[in-house]
N, C-alpha and C. Protein backbone atom coordinates (compact mmCIF):
# COMPACT_ATOMS: atom_id res chain seq x y z
N MET A 1 5.50 24.86 -13.17
CA MET A 1 6.49 24.84 -14.24
C MET A 1 7.78 25.50 -13.78
N ALA A 2 7.68 26.63 -13.09
CA ALA A 2 8.88 27.32 -12.63
C ALA A 2 9.63 26.47 -11.61
N ASP A 3 8.88 25.74 -10.77
CA ASP A 3 9.52 24.87 -9.78
C ASP A 3 10.34 23.78 -10.45
N GLU A 4 9.79 23.18 -11.49
CA GLU A 4 10.51 22.12 -12.21
C GLU A 4 11.74 22.68 -12.91
N THR A 5 11.63 23.88 -13.45
CA THR A 5 12.78 24.52 -14.09
C THR A 5 13.86 24.81 -13.06
N GLU A 6 13.46 25.25 -11.88
CA GLU A 6 14.41 25.51 -10.80
C GLU A 6 15.10 24.22 -10.35
N LEU A 7 14.34 23.15 -10.23
CA LEU A 7 14.92 21.86 -9.85
C LEU A 7 15.91 21.38 -10.90
N GLU A 8 15.56 21.53 -12.16
CA GLU A 8 16.45 21.10 -13.23
C GLU A 8 17.75 21.92 -13.24
N THR A 9 17.64 23.20 -12.96
CA THR A 9 18.83 24.05 -12.87
C THR A 9 19.71 23.59 -11.71
N ARG A 10 19.10 23.29 -10.58
CA ARG A 10 19.86 22.79 -9.42
C ARG A 10 20.54 21.46 -9.76
N ARG A 11 19.82 20.58 -10.44
CA ARG A 11 20.39 19.28 -10.81
C ARG A 11 21.64 19.46 -11.69
N LYS A 12 21.53 20.35 -12.67
CA LYS A 12 22.66 20.59 -13.56
C LYS A 12 23.85 21.17 -12.79
N ARG A 13 23.58 22.10 -11.90
CA ARG A 13 24.66 22.71 -11.11
C ARG A 13 25.32 21.68 -10.20
N LEU A 14 24.52 20.84 -9.57
CA LEU A 14 25.07 19.81 -8.69
C LEU A 14 25.81 18.73 -9.47
N LEU A 15 25.34 18.41 -10.67
CA LEU A 15 26.06 17.46 -11.50
C LEU A 15 27.44 18.02 -11.85
N TYR A 16 27.51 19.28 -12.22
CA TYR A 16 28.79 19.91 -12.52
C TYR A 16 29.71 19.87 -11.31
N ARG A 17 29.18 20.22 -10.14
CA ARG A 17 29.99 20.19 -8.91
C ARG A 17 30.45 18.78 -8.58
N SER A 18 29.68 17.78 -8.97
CA SER A 18 30.04 16.39 -8.71
C SER A 18 31.19 15.93 -9.59
N VAL A 19 31.18 16.35 -10.82
CA VAL A 19 32.17 15.89 -11.79
C VAL A 19 33.50 16.62 -11.63
N TYR A 20 33.46 17.87 -11.22
CA TYR A 20 34.67 18.69 -11.12
C TYR A 20 34.96 19.06 -9.67
N ARG A 21 35.34 18.06 -8.87
CA ARG A 21 35.63 18.27 -7.46
C ARG A 21 37.06 18.72 -7.22
N GLY A 22 37.98 18.25 -8.05
CA GLY A 22 39.38 18.56 -7.82
C GLY A 22 40.16 17.35 -7.34
N ASN A 23 39.47 16.35 -6.85
CA ASN A 23 40.06 15.09 -6.41
C ASN A 23 39.56 14.03 -7.39
N LYS A 24 40.45 13.42 -8.16
CA LYS A 24 40.05 12.53 -9.24
C LYS A 24 39.15 11.39 -8.78
N GLU A 25 39.47 10.81 -7.62
CA GLU A 25 38.65 9.71 -7.12
C GLU A 25 37.22 10.16 -6.88
N ASN A 26 37.06 11.33 -6.27
CA ASN A 26 35.72 11.85 -6.02
C ASN A 26 35.05 12.33 -7.29
N ASP A 27 35.82 12.84 -8.25
CA ASP A 27 35.24 13.21 -9.55
C ASP A 27 34.55 11.99 -10.17
N ILE A 28 35.24 10.86 -10.13
CA ILE A 28 34.70 9.64 -10.72
C ILE A 28 33.51 9.14 -9.92
N LEU A 29 33.68 9.00 -8.62
CA LEU A 29 32.61 8.48 -7.76
C LEU A 29 31.37 9.35 -7.80
N LEU A 30 31.54 10.63 -7.47
CA LEU A 30 30.37 11.52 -7.39
C LEU A 30 29.79 11.81 -8.77
N GLY A 31 30.63 11.87 -9.79
CA GLY A 31 30.13 12.09 -11.15
C GLY A 31 29.23 10.96 -11.60
N GLN A 32 29.70 9.71 -11.41
CA GLN A 32 28.87 8.57 -11.80
C GLN A 32 27.62 8.47 -10.95
N PHE A 33 27.76 8.74 -9.66
CA PHE A 33 26.59 8.69 -8.77
C PHE A 33 25.55 9.73 -9.20
N ALA A 34 25.99 10.94 -9.46
CA ALA A 34 25.06 12.00 -9.85
C ALA A 34 24.39 11.66 -11.18
N ARG A 35 25.15 11.17 -12.13
CA ARG A 35 24.55 10.81 -13.43
C ARG A 35 23.50 9.72 -13.27
N ALA A 36 23.73 8.80 -12.35
CA ALA A 36 22.81 7.68 -12.14
C ALA A 36 21.56 8.07 -11.35
N HIS A 37 21.66 9.05 -10.43
CA HIS A 37 20.56 9.29 -9.49
C HIS A 37 19.98 10.70 -9.48
N ILE A 38 20.70 11.68 -9.91
CA ILE A 38 20.27 13.06 -9.67
C ILE A 38 18.95 13.40 -10.37
N ALA A 39 18.67 12.76 -11.49
CA ALA A 39 17.42 13.06 -12.21
C ALA A 39 16.19 12.67 -11.40
N GLU A 40 16.33 11.70 -10.51
CA GLU A 40 15.18 11.25 -9.71
C GLU A 40 15.06 12.00 -8.38
N PHE A 41 16.04 12.80 -8.04
CA PHE A 41 16.02 13.52 -6.77
C PHE A 41 15.03 14.68 -6.82
N GLY A 42 14.21 14.77 -5.77
CA GLY A 42 13.34 15.91 -5.58
C GLY A 42 14.07 16.97 -4.78
N ALA A 43 13.36 17.98 -4.34
CA ALA A 43 13.97 19.10 -3.63
C ALA A 43 14.66 18.67 -2.35
N ALA A 44 14.04 17.77 -1.58
CA ALA A 44 14.63 17.34 -0.32
C ALA A 44 15.94 16.58 -0.54
N GLU A 45 15.94 15.68 -1.54
CA GLU A 45 17.15 14.93 -1.84
C GLU A 45 18.24 15.85 -2.39
N LEU A 46 17.85 16.83 -3.20
CA LEU A 46 18.83 17.78 -3.71
C LEU A 46 19.45 18.58 -2.56
N ASP A 47 18.64 18.92 -1.57
CA ASP A 47 19.18 19.61 -0.38
C ASP A 47 20.21 18.73 0.32
N GLN A 48 19.89 17.46 0.49
CA GLN A 48 20.81 16.53 1.15
C GLN A 48 22.08 16.37 0.33
N TYR A 49 21.94 16.27 -0.99
CA TYR A 49 23.11 16.08 -1.84
C TYR A 49 23.99 17.34 -1.84
N GLU A 50 23.35 18.49 -1.86
CA GLU A 50 24.11 19.74 -1.80
C GLU A 50 24.88 19.84 -0.48
N SER A 51 24.26 19.41 0.59
CA SER A 51 24.94 19.40 1.89
C SER A 51 26.12 18.43 1.86
N LEU A 52 25.94 17.28 1.25
CA LEU A 52 27.02 16.31 1.12
C LEU A 52 28.19 16.91 0.33
N LEU A 53 27.88 17.59 -0.76
CA LEU A 53 28.93 18.17 -1.59
C LEU A 53 29.68 19.30 -0.89
N SER A 54 29.09 19.86 0.15
CA SER A 54 29.78 20.91 0.89
C SER A 54 30.85 20.33 1.82
N ALA A 55 30.83 19.02 2.03
CA ALA A 55 31.87 18.37 2.84
C ALA A 55 33.16 18.32 2.03
N GLY A 56 34.25 18.18 2.72
CA GLY A 56 35.55 18.11 2.07
C GLY A 56 35.73 16.82 1.30
N ASP A 57 36.56 16.87 0.26
CA ASP A 57 36.83 15.68 -0.55
C ASP A 57 37.39 14.54 0.29
N ASN A 58 38.32 14.86 1.17
CA ASN A 58 38.91 13.80 2.01
C ASN A 58 37.88 13.17 2.93
N ASP A 59 36.98 13.97 3.46
CA ASP A 59 35.93 13.43 4.33
C ASP A 59 35.04 12.47 3.55
N ILE A 60 34.58 12.90 2.38
CA ILE A 60 33.70 12.05 1.57
C ILE A 60 34.41 10.75 1.21
N TYR A 61 35.65 10.85 0.78
CA TYR A 61 36.41 9.65 0.41
C TYR A 61 36.58 8.71 1.61
N ASP A 62 36.88 9.27 2.76
CA ASP A 62 37.04 8.45 3.97
C ASP A 62 35.74 7.75 4.36
N TRP A 63 34.62 8.44 4.22
CA TRP A 63 33.32 7.83 4.54
C TRP A 63 33.02 6.69 3.59
N VAL A 64 33.21 6.93 2.29
CA VAL A 64 32.88 5.92 1.29
C VAL A 64 33.81 4.72 1.38
N SER A 65 35.07 4.96 1.65
CA SER A 65 36.04 3.87 1.73
C SER A 65 35.98 3.13 3.07
N GLY A 66 35.25 3.68 4.04
CA GLY A 66 35.11 3.05 5.33
C GLY A 66 36.25 3.36 6.29
N LYS A 67 37.10 4.31 5.92
CA LYS A 67 38.21 4.68 6.81
C LYS A 67 37.70 5.32 8.10
N THR A 68 36.67 6.12 7.98
CA THR A 68 36.08 6.77 9.15
C THR A 68 34.57 6.60 9.10
N ALA A 69 33.97 6.66 10.26
CA ALA A 69 32.51 6.56 10.35
C ALA A 69 31.88 7.88 9.92
N VAL A 70 30.70 7.78 9.37
CA VAL A 70 29.96 8.97 8.96
C VAL A 70 29.44 9.66 10.21
N PRO A 71 29.74 10.96 10.38
CA PRO A 71 29.21 11.67 11.55
C PRO A 71 27.69 11.81 11.43
N ALA A 72 27.04 11.88 12.56
CA ALA A 72 25.57 11.95 12.60
C ALA A 72 25.03 13.12 11.80
N GLU A 73 25.70 14.27 11.84
CA GLU A 73 25.20 15.44 11.13
C GLU A 73 25.31 15.30 9.60
N ALA A 74 26.13 14.38 9.12
CA ALA A 74 26.27 14.18 7.67
C ALA A 74 25.42 13.02 7.16
N ASP A 75 24.91 12.20 8.06
CA ASP A 75 24.14 11.03 7.66
C ASP A 75 22.81 11.44 7.05
N SER A 76 22.54 10.90 5.86
CA SER A 76 21.27 11.19 5.17
C SER A 76 20.95 10.02 4.24
N MET A 77 19.75 10.00 3.71
CA MET A 77 19.36 8.95 2.77
C MET A 77 20.22 9.02 1.51
N VAL A 78 20.55 10.22 1.07
CA VAL A 78 21.38 10.37 -0.13
C VAL A 78 22.78 9.82 0.13
N LEU A 79 23.33 10.10 1.28
CA LEU A 79 24.66 9.56 1.60
C LEU A 79 24.60 8.04 1.68
N ARG A 80 23.55 7.50 2.22
CA ARG A 80 23.41 6.04 2.28
C ARG A 80 23.34 5.44 0.88
N LYS A 81 22.65 6.14 -0.04
CA LYS A 81 22.64 5.70 -1.44
C LYS A 81 24.04 5.73 -2.03
N LEU A 82 24.78 6.78 -1.71
CA LEU A 82 26.16 6.90 -2.20
C LEU A 82 27.02 5.76 -1.65
N LEU A 83 26.86 5.44 -0.38
CA LEU A 83 27.65 4.37 0.23
C LEU A 83 27.35 3.02 -0.42
N ALA A 84 26.13 2.83 -0.89
CA ALA A 84 25.74 1.57 -1.55
C ALA A 84 26.08 1.56 -3.03
N PHE A 85 26.41 2.72 -3.60
CA PHE A 85 26.69 2.86 -5.02
C PHE A 85 28.04 2.24 -5.37
N ARG A 86 28.12 1.60 -6.50
CA ARG A 86 29.37 1.02 -6.98
C ARG A 86 29.75 1.64 -8.33
N VAL A 87 30.97 2.10 -8.40
CA VAL A 87 31.50 2.72 -9.62
C VAL A 87 31.75 1.63 -10.65
N ARG A 88 31.48 1.96 -11.90
CA ARG A 88 31.73 1.02 -13.00
C ARG A 88 32.82 1.57 -13.90
N PHE A 89 33.77 0.72 -14.20
CA PHE A 89 34.87 1.11 -15.09
C PHE A 89 34.79 0.36 -16.39
């Protein structure tokens, strides 16, 4: 029970960090992505997502837009899900 409570707390914190990045494009992209997927993420995926969120806004935007290649150290299943994700307006 405590583990699930801890995971839910992490999910909420990461959702907040996703929505309020400071860069409007990433607020929209990461906010929608987190709302769509974060509830299904277990501890390992949350670790990967937290690592992704520690990257700079410009780096994330460049990776998603295809301006630059994703470096090997940032490549993860969660990032691949993000790259396949499409924002809805």
